[in-house]
Amino acid sequence: MSSLTEKDRPVVQLLLNTGTCPRCILRFCCVGSQTLYRRPYKDLMKDLKEFLKNNQEKEDTVCFDVVDPPCKRIRLEHTDEGPDDLNHNGALQQIPSVNDENTAMENSAVKVCNVCLGILQEFCKVDFVKKVCQKVNSADYQFTSFVFSVSLPPQLSVRERAAWLLVKQEMGKLGLSLAKDDIVQLKEAYKWIIHPQLSEELGVPADGKSLFEVSVVFAHPETDEECHFLAMVCPDCFKPAKNKQSVFTRMAVIKALEKIKEEDFLKYFPCPPSSSKNLCVALEIQCNNGAVFVAGRYNKYSRNLPQTPWIIDGERKLESSVEELISEHLMAEFKADSFNFSSSGREDVDVRTLGKGRPFAIELVNPRRIHFTAEEMKGLQQTINNSSDKIQVRDLQLVTRSAIGRMKEGEEEKTKTYSALIWTDKAIQKEDIAFLDGIKELKLDQKTPLRVLHRRPLAVRCRIIHTMQSEYIDEHHFRLHLKTQAGTYIKEFVHGDFGRTKPNIGSLLNRTADILELDVESVDVDWPPTLDN
């Protein structure tokens, strides 16, 4: 059983006298029953009045009987810490006598709570819940559960501290103490009230692990400056941040409240907190779905198509890219805000990717649609493939964020197979290149190629050519099939990059060699799983 007891009587009357709402009073009395907070506001006020009228014949007052067990406890101990009867200038403000029940009744009419500024009043009503749900439904998201988040004005933490000091001082007179952590947090109480209403209206359960978030941002412009005194007393707590409009963030305010001494706090802020004429306002009601990840393999058949948009000095060089040809269809079907593309390596604009293709993954940010059957994914894959003759995708599927890590695991230990069309300045015969077939595990020292030096750090990288197989064409041309360590610069292995790659095909053949065409024939990464397409 969780109920208000005799020791709560002076606290209830004190807070009612100073303009605190019934739900905040329950919080400061450490009532942990979720059910109790959900009772209608008028009923709670009526019960508090009845509680104050009751005499002290019974040790426990039963007007607040509920099933849920309490989650907070008041510790019974004598205390003399903290200043007695301090107000805005060092002494607690005069408030009506805690024995004056008539005053409590008069002041308890519905008005803006001086602690929560209406959060546990107006914003717990059905009308506000319906407003939130209308916003959610109009956004047209797919979801099977939701998590509800609230952003409160930072000055509410300051007001809560003032109310706590008031209650703490009153309880000290009774030989009791109240720790800050014993108070039910405002956010927690609000969610206890709002969760069942949102769940009923949306038709899905609230779940702390849900990827679909409904968030509300509250503000109270009238009292925005109430935090400013903390910057004078605790300047180290308020540092400008790039992405923050104000230094007075909730976390900065809480940090300052932990550092400030009680006597300093009471010099600058009224205790009890003053009343306000206006309620908080809901600045934003937003929805956000967790990212969805799509993976597959792509083939690139064009020698004039970059993997990602090719932009130099702000100027676009080619009209499209592999990334865009795939993502534009996914963005449209998933109705996402944006995307992030990643792959197992990359090929140059003039290099084709053949065979089973290159593994890729796309993160779709804040998608409205998230549920796709295997058949629908197969249809989406066909749509992508029908849209262009420059690329094809296969094994298109939904994956988890953690699964994407497998694409990058041991990337440099993976192998890749290439086919290179090579030209030589001096005439060659078949027997001149036959020895290449017998070379195994050839170690290269590759200094960062000149062509990528503008975007890669200067370094010497050791790479391995596992096997080579030559295919003679004519006196100046042959095709070379290579199996290499991932990350090997194949073009530079052929022409030597002015001696920056050693050894190279030119030095092995003792003549000038250059590469005319390069194809990626396989990327040996066993991911994503092969599908029956």
Protein backbone atom coordinates (compact mmCIF):
# COMPACT_ATOMS: atom_id res chain seq x y z
CA MET A 1 0.00 0.00 0.00
CA SER A 2 1.29 3.47 -0.92
CA SER A 3 -0.39 6.37 0.83
CA LEU A 4 0.16 9.76 2.33
CA THR A 5 0.82 9.44 6.02
CA GLU A 6 0.66 11.79 8.95
CA LYS A 7 4.22 13.01 8.43
CA ASP A 8 3.22 14.21 4.94
CA ARG A 9 0.49 16.51 6.25
CA PRO A 10 2.64 19.62 6.81
CA VAL A 11 4.37 19.10 3.45
CA VAL A 12 1.04 18.84 1.61
CA GLN A 13 -0.32 21.95 3.26
CA LEU A 14 2.91 23.89 2.79
CA LEU A 15 3.09 23.15 -0.94
CA LEU A 16 -0.61 23.82 -1.51
CA ASN A 17 -0.20 27.17 0.20
CA THR A 18 2.68 28.12 -2.09
CA GLY A 19 0.93 27.23 -5.36
CA THR A 20 2.15 23.71 -6.11
CA CYS A 21 -0.04 21.30 -8.09
CA PRO A 22 -1.30 18.00 -6.58
CA ARG A 23 0.97 15.82 -8.75
CA CYS A 24 4.09 17.76 -7.80
CA ILE A 25 3.00 17.47 -4.16
CA LEU A 26 2.87 13.69 -4.58
CA ARG A 27 6.38 13.81 -6.06
CA PHE A 28 7.75 15.70 -3.06
CA CYS A 29 5.98 13.27 -0.74
CA CYS A 30 7.90 10.52 -2.58
CA VAL A 31 4.74 8.72 -3.71
CA GLY A 32 5.87 6.11 -6.24
CA SER A 33 2.50 4.85 -7.44
CA GLN A 34 2.06 5.33 -11.18
CA THR A 35 -1.67 4.70 -10.87
CA LEU A 36 -2.13 7.55 -8.44
CA TYR A 37 -0.58 10.15 -10.76
CA ARG A 38 -2.99 9.12 -13.51
CA ARG A 39 -6.06 10.04 -11.50
CA PRO A 40 -7.99 13.10 -12.72
CA TYR A 41 -6.55 16.40 -11.55
CA LYS A 42 -9.75 17.49 -9.78
CA ASP A 43 -9.98 14.18 -7.92
CA LEU A 44 -6.40 14.54 -6.69
CA MET A 45 -7.09 18.05 -5.44
CA LYS A 46 -10.22 16.87 -3.70
CA ASP A 47 -8.33 14.01 -2.04
CA LEU A 48 -5.62 16.36 -0.81
CA LYS A 49 -8.25 18.62 0.76
CA GLU A 50 -9.86 15.63 2.44
CA PHE A 51 -6.46 14.49 3.64
CA LEU A 52 -5.83 17.86 5.30
CA LYS A 53 -9.24 17.80 6.96
CA ASN A 54 -8.77 14.39 8.49
CA ASN A 55 -7.68 14.30 12.09
CA GLN A 56 -4.70 12.34 13.28
CA GLU A 57 -6.63 9.48 14.92
CA LYS A 58 -5.28 6.97 12.35
CA GLU A 59 -1.57 6.53 11.83
CA ASP A 60 -2.09 5.94 8.11
CA THR A 61 -4.56 7.88 6.03
CA VAL A 62 -6.20 5.61 3.48
CA CYS A 63 -7.62 8.11 1.02
CA PHE A 64 -4.67 7.42 -1.29
CA ASP A 65 -4.91 3.62 -1.35
CA VAL A 66 -3.34 2.16 -4.49
CA VAL A 67 -1.92 -1.18 -5.52
CA ASP A 68 1.57 -0.17 -6.70
CA PRO A 69 4.39 -0.28 -4.13
CA PRO A 70 6.30 2.94 -3.37
CA CYS A 71 9.55 3.44 -5.24
CA LYS A 72 10.87 6.26 -3.04
CA ARG A 73 11.30 6.54 0.71
CA ILE A 74 11.77 9.39 3.15
CA ARG A 75 14.57 8.75 5.57
CA LEU A 76 13.80 9.34 9.24
CA GLU A 77 16.67 11.06 10.94
CA HIS A 78 17.42 14.24 12.85
CA THR A 79 19.17 16.82 10.74
CA ASP A 80 20.62 20.24 11.29
CA GLU A 81 22.27 20.68 7.92
CA GLY A 82 21.29 23.64 5.79
CA PRO A 83 20.17 27.11 6.81
CA ASP A 84 16.91 27.51 8.72
CA ASP A 85 14.21 29.80 7.44
CA LEU A 86 16.24 31.38 4.63
CA ASN A 87 14.57 33.34 1.86
CA HIS A 88 15.53 35.18 -1.33
CA ASN A 89 17.90 37.30 0.73
CA GLY A 90 18.98 34.53 3.05
CA ALA A 91 15.67 33.63 4.70
CA LEU A 92 12.70 31.54 3.60
CA GLN A 93 9.82 33.71 2.51
CA GLN A 94 6.84 34.08 4.80
CA ILE A 95 4.16 31.61 3.81
CA PRO A 96 0.75 30.95 5.30
CA SER A 97 0.80 28.91 8.47
CA VAL A 98 0.74 25.19 7.85
CA ASN A 99 -2.13 25.02 10.31
CA ASP A 100 -4.24 27.45 8.32
CA GLU A 101 -6.26 24.94 6.30
CA ASN A 102 -8.63 27.57 4.90
CA THR A 103 -5.73 29.36 3.21
CA ALA A 104 -4.65 26.10 1.62
CA MET A 105 -8.14 25.57 0.23
CA GLU A 106 -8.32 29.08 -1.21
CA ASN A 107 -4.92 28.86 -2.89
CA SER A 108 -5.56 25.41 -4.35
CA ALA A 109 -7.75 26.59 -7.25
CA VAL A 110 -6.45 25.49 -10.64
CA LYS A 111 -3.59 27.80 -11.50
CA VAL A 112 -0.16 27.35 -13.00
CA CYS A 113 1.97 25.19 -10.71
CA ASN A 114 4.97 27.09 -9.40
CA VAL A 115 7.20 24.00 -9.78
CA CYS A 116 6.28 22.23 -13.04
CA LEU A 117 4.76 25.32 -14.73
CA GLY A 118 1.84 23.28 -16.00
CA ILE A 119 3.61 20.16 -17.29
CA LEU A 120 1.68 17.92 -14.89
CA GLN A 121 -1.49 19.92 -15.39
CA GLU A 122 -2.49 21.06 -18.88
CA PHE A 123 -0.17 18.72 -20.77
CA CYS A 124 -1.58 15.59 -19.17
CA LYS A 125 -5.03 16.24 -20.59
CA VAL A 126 -6.70 14.29 -23.38
CA ASP A 127 -6.66 17.29 -25.73
CA PHE A 128 -2.87 17.51 -25.68
CA VAL A 129 -2.50 13.75 -26.09
CA LYS A 130 -4.76 13.92 -29.15
CA LYS A 131 -2.68 16.79 -30.54
CA VAL A 132 0.50 14.70 -30.23
CA CYS A 133 -1.16 11.68 -31.84
CA GLN A 134 -2.51 13.77 -34.72
CA LYS A 135 1.04 14.92 -35.41
CA VAL A 136 2.28 11.32 -35.33
CA ASN A 137 -0.48 10.01 -37.59
CA SER A 138 -0.10 12.82 -40.11
CA ALA A 139 3.63 12.04 -40.46
CA ASP A 140 2.66 8.64 -41.93
CA TYR A 141 5.27 6.46 -40.19
CA GLN A 142 5.21 2.69 -39.90
CA PHE A 143 5.79 1.59 -36.29
CA THR A 144 4.76 -1.20 -33.93
CA SER A 145 5.76 0.52 -30.66
CA PHE A 146 7.07 3.89 -29.55
CA VAL A 147 9.39 5.53 -27.07
CA PHE A 148 8.35 8.91 -25.68
CA SER A 149 10.96 11.56 -24.91
CA VAL A 150 10.50 14.94 -23.28
CA SER A 151 12.71 18.03 -23.26
CA LEU A 152 11.89 20.30 -20.34
CA PRO A 153 12.92 23.94 -19.80
CA PRO A 154 16.12 23.97 -17.70
CA GLN A 155 14.61 26.50 -15.28
CA LEU A 156 12.28 23.76 -13.99
CA SER A 157 15.33 22.17 -12.36
CA VAL A 158 15.99 25.46 -10.57
CA ARG A 159 12.39 25.68 -9.39
CA GLU A 160 12.53 22.07 -8.24
CA ARG A 161 15.62 22.86 -6.17
CA ALA A 162 13.85 25.80 -4.51
CA ALA A 163 10.81 23.67 -3.67
CA TRP A 164 13.04 20.90 -2.31
CA LEU A 165 14.83 23.34 0.01
CA LEU A 166 11.43 24.55 1.24
CA VAL A 167 10.19 21.01 1.97
CA LYS A 168 13.53 20.00 3.45
CA GLN A 169 13.40 22.90 5.91
CA GLU A 170 9.82 22.08 6.92
CA MET A 171 10.60 18.40 7.43
CA GLY A 172 13.66 19.31 9.46
CA LYS A 173 11.31 20.77 12.06
CA LEU A 174 9.82 17.29 12.43
CA GLY A 175 13.20 15.60 12.71
CA LEU A 176 12.93 14.20 9.17
CA SER A 177 15.13 14.62 6.14
CA LEU A 178 14.43 14.45 2.42
CA ALA A 179 17.21 13.66 -0.05
CA LYS A 180 16.98 15.10 -3.56
CA ASP A 181 17.13 11.60 -5.04
CA ASP A 182 14.06 10.55 -3.04
CA ILE A 183 11.82 12.93 -4.99
CA VAL A 184 10.02 11.42 -8.00
CA GLN A 185 11.52 13.09 -11.06
CA LEU A 186 9.22 15.34 -13.10
CA LYS A 187 9.95 13.51 -16.37
CA GLU A 188 9.29 10.16 -14.77
CA ALA A 189 5.93 11.26 -13.33
CA TYR A 190 4.93 12.84 -16.65
CA LYS A 191 5.68 9.65 -18.57
CA TRP A 192 3.71 7.59 -16.04
CA ILE A 193 0.69 9.73 -16.90
CA ILE A 194 1.17 10.17 -20.63
CA HIS A 195 2.35 6.68 -21.71
CA PRO A 196 -0.99 4.86 -21.25
CA GLN A 197 -2.88 7.65 -23.01
CA LEU A 198 -0.51 7.73 -26.00
CA SER A 199 -0.50 3.95 -26.18
CA GLU A 200 -4.30 3.78 -26.26
CA GLU A 201 -4.62 6.56 -28.83
CA LEU A 202 -1.87 5.22 -31.13
CA GLY A 203 -2.86 1.58 -30.69
CA VAL A 204 0.69 0.37 -29.95
CA PRO A 205 2.64 -0.17 -26.71
CA ALA A 206 5.25 2.14 -25.24
CA ASP A 207 8.64 0.44 -25.29
CA GLY A 208 11.90 1.94 -24.07
CA LYS A 209 13.79 -0.02 -26.74
CA SER A 210 11.56 1.04 -29.63
CA LEU A 211 13.24 2.62 -32.65
CA PHE A 212 10.29 4.95 -33.21
CA GLU A 213 10.56 8.06 -31.05
CA VAL A 214 7.88 10.62 -30.31
CA SER A 215 9.41 13.71 -28.73
CA VAL A 216 8.00 16.90 -27.26
CA VAL A 217 10.06 20.01 -26.55
CA PHE A 218 8.62 22.34 -23.91
CA ALA A 219 9.62 25.95 -23.24
CA HIS A 220 8.60 28.72 -20.86
CA PRO A 221 9.87 32.06 -22.26
CA GLU A 222 8.54 34.06 -19.30
CA THR A 223 11.06 32.42 -16.94
CA ASP A 224 13.99 31.81 -19.30
CA GLU A 225 16.28 34.11 -17.32
CA GLU A 226 15.79 32.26 -14.02
CA CYS A 227 18.91 30.16 -14.72
CA HIS A 228 21.19 33.09 -15.41
CA PHE A 229 22.32 33.63 -11.81
CA LEU A 230 23.96 30.20 -11.92
CA ALA A 231 26.43 31.45 -14.55
CA MET A 232 27.65 34.10 -12.09
CA VAL A 233 28.06 31.63 -9.25
CA CYS A 234 29.31 28.64 -11.31
CA PRO A 235 30.78 30.05 -14.56
CA ASP A 236 32.78 26.88 -15.26
CA CYS A 237 29.54 24.95 -15.83
CA PHE A 238 28.46 27.05 -18.79
CA LYS A 239 30.70 26.65 -21.82
CA PRO A 240 29.59 27.66 -25.33
CA ALA A 241 28.95 24.70 -27.64
CA LYS A 242 28.81 24.67 -31.44
CA ASN A 243 25.40 23.06 -31.76
CA LYS A 244 23.71 24.75 -28.79
CA GLN A 245 21.79 28.01 -29.10
CA SER A 246 22.21 28.75 -25.39
CA VAL A 247 24.79 27.83 -22.76
CA PHE A 248 21.91 27.23 -20.33
CA THR A 249 21.29 23.61 -21.26
CA ARG A 250 19.53 21.28 -18.87
CA MET A 251 22.73 19.34 -18.16
CA ALA A 252 24.74 22.53 -17.53
CA VAL A 253 22.07 23.79 -15.13
CA ILE A 254 21.97 20.47 -13.26
CA LYS A 255 25.76 20.48 -13.01
CA ALA A 256 25.69 24.01 -11.56
CA LEU A 257 22.95 23.07 -9.08
CA GLU A 258 25.12 20.22 -7.84
CA LYS A 259 27.99 22.64 -7.19
CA ILE A 260 26.21 25.67 -5.73
CA LYS A 261 25.91 25.95 -1.95
CA GLU A 262 22.41 26.18 -0.49
CA GLU A 263 23.03 29.59 1.06
CA ASP A 264 24.26 30.96 -2.27
CA PHE A 265 21.25 29.54 -4.10
CA LEU A 266 18.87 31.19 -1.64
CA LYS A 267 20.54 34.57 -2.12
CA TYR A 268 19.56 34.62 -5.77
CA PHE A 269 16.36 32.59 -6.10
CA PRO A 270 13.05 32.84 -4.21
CA CYS A 271 12.09 29.95 -1.98
CA PRO A 272 9.31 28.96 -2.52
CA PRO A 273 9.49 29.64 -6.26
CA SER A 274 7.25 32.43 -7.47
CA SER A 275 3.99 31.84 -9.32
CA SER A 276 3.68 32.27 -13.07
CA LYS A 277 0.73 33.51 -15.08
CA ASN A 278 1.53 31.39 -18.13
CA LEU A 279 1.82 27.69 -18.77
CA CYS A 280 4.74 26.09 -20.57
CA VAL A 281 4.33 25.86 -24.33
CA ALA A 282 4.98 22.82 -26.52
CA LEU A 283 7.49 24.24 -29.00
CA GLU A 284 7.93 21.07 -31.04
CA ILE A 285 6.23 17.72 -31.46
CA GLN A 286 8.47 15.51 -33.57
CA CYS A 287 8.70 11.92 -34.77
CA ASN A 288 11.78 9.98 -35.74
CA ASN A 289 12.24 6.39 -36.86
CA GLY A 290 15.50 4.57 -36.22
CA ALA A 291 17.65 3.98 -39.29
CA VAL A 292 17.00 1.01 -41.58
CA PHE A 293 19.93 -0.74 -43.28
CA VAL A 294 19.84 -2.29 -46.75
CA ALA A 295 22.69 -4.36 -48.16
CA GLY A 296 23.51 -6.09 -51.41
CA ARG A 297 26.15 -6.38 -54.12
CA TYR A 298 26.51 -4.18 -57.17
CA ASN A 299 28.05 -4.66 -60.59
CA LYS A 300 29.32 -1.60 -62.45
CA TYR A 301 29.50 -1.95 -66.24
CA SER A 302 30.40 1.62 -67.19
CA ARG A 303 33.92 3.03 -67.47
CA ASN A 304 32.56 6.51 -67.01
CA LEU A 305 30.75 6.21 -63.67
CA PRO A 306 32.19 7.03 -60.22
CA GLN A 307 31.15 5.10 -57.14
CA THR A 308 30.14 8.29 -55.31
CA PRO A 309 29.34 11.79 -56.66
CA TRP A 310 32.46 13.23 -58.30
CA ILE A 311 32.72 16.85 -57.26
CA ILE A 312 35.93 18.89 -57.54
CA ASP A 313 36.13 22.46 -56.21
CA GLY A 314 32.36 22.54 -55.93
CA GLU A 315 31.85 21.52 -59.57
CA ARG A 316 30.20 18.25 -60.49
CA LYS A 317 32.20 16.28 -63.07
CA LEU A 318 29.80 13.48 -64.01
CA GLU A 319 26.02 13.42 -63.88
CA SER A 320 25.54 10.33 -61.76
CA SER A 321 27.22 7.67 -59.58
CA VAL A 322 26.72 4.10 -58.37
CA GLU A 323 25.61 5.45 -54.99
CA GLU A 324 22.91 7.66 -56.50
CA LEU A 325 21.60 5.11 -59.00
CA ILE A 326 20.92 2.71 -56.12
CA SER A 327 19.90 5.10 -53.36
CA GLU A 328 17.35 7.18 -55.28
CA HIS A 329 15.01 4.18 -55.49
CA LEU A 330 15.58 3.15 -51.86
CA MET A 331 14.96 6.70 -50.66
CA ALA A 332 11.68 6.83 -52.56
CA GLU A 333 10.39 3.47 -51.31
CA PHE A 334 11.50 3.84 -47.69
CA LYS A 335 10.50 7.55 -47.63
CA ALA A 336 13.71 8.42 -45.78
CA ASP A 337 15.17 11.84 -45.01
CA SER A 338 18.71 11.00 -46.11
CA PHE A 339 21.13 8.11 -46.56
CA ASN A 340 24.73 7.02 -45.94
CA PHE A 341 26.46 4.75 -48.44
CA SER A 342 29.35 2.39 -47.64
CA SER A 343 31.01 -0.48 -49.47
CA SER A 344 33.80 -3.03 -49.30
CA GLY A 345 36.40 -0.89 -51.06
CA ARG A 346 35.87 1.22 -54.15
CA GLU A 347 36.80 1.21 -57.82
CA ASP A 348 37.99 4.09 -59.98
CA VAL A 349 35.60 5.83 -62.33
CA ASP A 350 37.05 3.94 -65.34
CA VAL A 351 37.09 0.50 -63.69
CA ARG A 352 34.29 -2.02 -64.08
CA THR A 353 33.14 -4.33 -61.28
CA LEU A 354 32.10 -7.73 -62.64
CA GLY A 355 31.52 -11.23 -61.24
CA LYS A 356 29.31 -11.39 -58.17
CA GLY A 357 29.80 -7.69 -57.56
CA ARG A 358 30.99 -5.52 -54.68
CA PRO A 359 29.25 -5.66 -51.28
CA PHE A 360 27.56 -2.42 -50.23
CA ALA A 361 25.28 -1.15 -47.48
CA ILE A 362 23.03 1.89 -47.27
CA GLU A 363 21.78 3.47 -44.04
CA LEU A 364 18.37 5.07 -44.57
CA VAL A 365 17.87 7.84 -42.04
CA ASN A 366 14.43 8.44 -40.47
CA PRO A 367 12.44 6.21 -42.87
CA ARG A 368 8.64 6.46 -42.86
CA ARG A 369 8.27 2.93 -44.23
CA ILE A 370 10.23 0.13 -42.57
CA HIS A 371 8.40 -3.13 -43.30
CA PHE A 372 9.22 -4.91 -46.57
CA THR A 373 8.63 -8.55 -47.46
CA ALA A 374 11.24 -10.59 -49.31
CA GLU A 375 9.11 -10.31 -52.46
CA GLU A 376 8.91 -6.53 -52.13
CA MET A 377 12.70 -6.32 -51.75
CA LYS A 378 13.06 -8.49 -54.84
CA GLY A 379 10.75 -6.12 -56.72
CA LEU A 380 12.75 -3.12 -55.53
CA GLN A 381 15.94 -4.77 -56.77
CA GLN A 382 14.33 -5.27 -60.18
CA THR A 383 13.27 -1.63 -60.27
CA ILE A 384 16.87 -0.53 -59.68
CA ASN A 385 18.17 -2.90 -62.34
CA ASN A 386 15.58 -1.77 -64.91
CA SER A 387 16.44 1.90 -64.36
CA SER A 388 19.99 1.81 -65.73
CA ASP A 389 22.30 -0.28 -67.90
CA LYS A 390 25.33 1.06 -66.04
CA ILE A 391 24.78 -0.94 -62.84
CA GLN A 392 22.99 -4.01 -61.54
CA VAL A 393 22.36 -5.07 -57.95
CA ARG A 394 21.83 -8.51 -56.46
CA ASP A 395 21.09 -10.02 -53.03
CA LEU A 396 19.25 -6.84 -51.94
CA GLN A 397 18.07 -7.35 -48.36
CA LEU A 398 17.37 -5.72 -45.02
CA VAL A 399 20.19 -6.13 -42.49
CA THR A 400 21.00 -4.95 -38.97
CA ARG A 401 23.48 -2.23 -38.07
CA SER A 402 25.76 -4.75 -36.39
CA ALA A 403 25.79 -6.98 -39.48
CA ILE A 404 27.34 -4.19 -41.55
CA GLY A 405 30.49 -4.54 -39.48
CA ARG A 406 31.12 -7.87 -41.17
CA MET A 407 31.62 -6.06 -44.47
CA LYS A 408 34.54 -4.13 -42.98
CA GLU A 409 36.02 -6.92 -40.83
CA GLY A 410 39.60 -7.79 -41.80
CA GLU A 411 39.28 -5.70 -44.93
CA GLU A 412 42.99 -5.70 -45.69
CA GLU A 413 43.23 -9.48 -45.19
CA LYS A 414 40.57 -10.10 -47.84
CA THR A 415 41.54 -10.87 -51.42
CA LYS A 416 40.38 -9.35 -54.69
CA THR A 417 40.71 -10.62 -58.23
CA TYR A 418 41.41 -8.32 -61.17
CA SER A 419 41.80 -8.46 -64.92
CA ALA A 420 44.14 -5.86 -66.47
CA LEU A 421 44.73 -5.09 -70.14
CA ILE A 422 48.40 -4.08 -70.37
CA TRP A 423 50.42 -2.32 -73.10
CA THR A 424 54.21 -2.47 -73.48
CA ASP A 425 56.43 -0.13 -75.47
CA LYS A 426 58.69 -2.94 -76.71
CA ALA A 427 57.39 -5.91 -78.60
CA ILE A 428 56.77 -9.04 -76.56
CA GLN A 429 56.32 -12.70 -77.29
CA LYS A 430 54.30 -15.19 -75.27
CA GLU A 431 57.44 -16.58 -73.67
CA ASP A 432 58.45 -13.07 -72.47
CA ILE A 433 55.50 -12.95 -70.06
CA ALA A 434 55.13 -16.64 -69.20
CA PHE A 435 57.38 -16.33 -66.12
CA LEU A 436 54.75 -14.10 -64.46
CA ASP A 437 52.52 -17.16 -64.03
CA GLY A 438 55.07 -18.74 -61.70
CA ILE A 439 55.41 -15.78 -59.32
CA LYS A 440 53.63 -16.35 -56.01
CA GLU A 441 53.15 -14.11 -52.97
CA LEU A 442 55.04 -11.19 -54.50
CA LYS A 443 55.60 -8.45 -51.92
CA LEU A 444 55.21 -4.84 -53.00
CA ASP A 445 56.18 -1.56 -51.39
CA GLN A 446 53.64 1.02 -52.53
CA LYS A 447 54.13 4.66 -51.74
CA THR A 448 50.86 6.58 -51.78
CA PRO A 449 50.05 7.07 -55.50
CA LEU A 450 50.37 10.55 -56.91
CA ARG A 451 46.78 10.45 -58.15
CA VAL A 452 45.35 10.02 -54.63
CA LEU A 453 47.95 11.99 -52.68
CA HIS A 454 45.51 14.92 -52.35
CA ARG A 455 43.15 12.79 -50.24
CA ARG A 456 45.36 10.07 -48.70
CA PRO A 457 48.28 10.52 -46.27
CA LEU A 458 51.79 9.91 -47.58
CA ALA A 459 52.90 6.43 -46.53
CA VAL A 460 54.57 3.28 -47.82
CA ARG A 461 52.20 0.32 -47.71
CA CYS A 462 53.25 -3.30 -48.00
CA ARG A 463 50.89 -5.28 -50.25
CA ILE A 464 50.94 -8.79 -51.70
CA ILE A 465 50.23 -10.12 -55.18
CA HIS A 466 49.18 -13.70 -54.42
CA THR A 467 49.05 -15.05 -57.98
CA MET A 468 49.28 -13.87 -61.62
CA GLN A 469 48.22 -15.48 -64.86
CA SER A 470 49.11 -13.94 -68.24
CA GLU A 471 47.12 -14.11 -71.47
CA TYR A 472 49.06 -13.09 -74.59
CA ILE A 473 47.18 -10.93 -77.15
CA ASP A 474 49.72 -9.43 -79.54
CA GLU A 475 53.22 -7.93 -79.62
CA HIS A 476 52.24 -4.95 -77.48
CA HIS A 477 49.25 -6.20 -75.48
CA PHE A 478 48.49 -8.90 -72.95
CA ARG A 479 45.90 -9.48 -70.29
CA LEU A 480 46.97 -10.19 -66.73
CA HIS A 481 44.71 -11.87 -64.16
CA LEU A 482 45.76 -11.07 -60.60
CA LYS A 483 44.70 -12.23 -57.16
CA THR A 484 45.84 -9.63 -54.65
CA GLN A 485 45.58 -8.45 -51.10
CA ALA A 486 42.74 -5.95 -50.70
CA GLY A 487 44.01 -2.39 -50.87
CA THR A 488 46.60 -3.02 -53.57
CA TYR A 489 46.90 -0.25 -56.16
CA ILE A 490 46.75 -2.28 -59.39
CA LYS A 491 47.33 0.55 -61.86
CA GLU A 492 50.50 1.55 -60.02
CA PHE A 493 51.67 -2.07 -59.91
CA VAL A 494 51.51 -2.09 -63.71
CA HIS A 495 53.20 1.23 -64.61
CA GLY A 496 55.23 1.77 -61.44
CA ASP A 497 54.02 5.32 -60.69
CA PHE A 498 57.45 6.81 -61.43
CA GLY A 499 59.13 4.26 -59.21
CA ARG A 500 56.77 4.71 -56.25
CA THR A 501 55.62 1.06 -56.47
CA LYS A 502 58.41 -1.55 -56.38
CA PRO A 503 58.56 -4.02 -58.01
CA ASN A 504 56.11 -3.40 -60.85
CA ILE A 505 55.24 -5.04 -64.20
CA GLY A 506 57.49 -2.60 -66.06
CA SER A 507 60.50 -3.47 -63.91
CA LEU A 508 59.76 -7.20 -64.06
CA LEU A 509 59.56 -7.12 -67.87
CA ASN A 510 62.37 -4.56 -68.17
CA ARG A 511 60.32 -2.27 -70.36
CA THR A 512 57.73 0.46 -70.10
CA ALA A 513 54.26 -0.86 -69.30
CA ASP A 514 50.93 0.87 -68.90
CA ILE A 515 47.39 -0.21 -68.11
CA LEU A 516 44.63 0.34 -70.66
CA GLU A 517 41.66 -1.31 -68.89
CA LEU A 518 41.01 -2.71 -65.46
CA ASP A 519 38.15 -4.86 -64.23
CA VAL A 520 37.39 -6.07 -60.70
CA GLU A 521 36.41 -9.73 -61.18
CA SER A 522 35.68 -10.62 -57.56
CA VAL A 523 35.65 -9.13 -54.07
CA ASP A 524 36.12 -12.05 -51.71
CA VAL A 525 33.90 -10.91 -48.86
CA ASP A 526 31.31 -13.47 -47.78
CA TRP A 527 28.62 -10.88 -47.11
CA PRO A 528 25.76 -10.17 -47.47
CA PRO A 529 24.23 -13.67 -47.64
CA THR A 530 23.46 -14.87 -51.15
CA LEU A 531 19.75 -14.89 -51.96
CA ASP A 532 17.80 -16.99 -54.43
CA ASN A 533 17.20 -14.21 -56.94
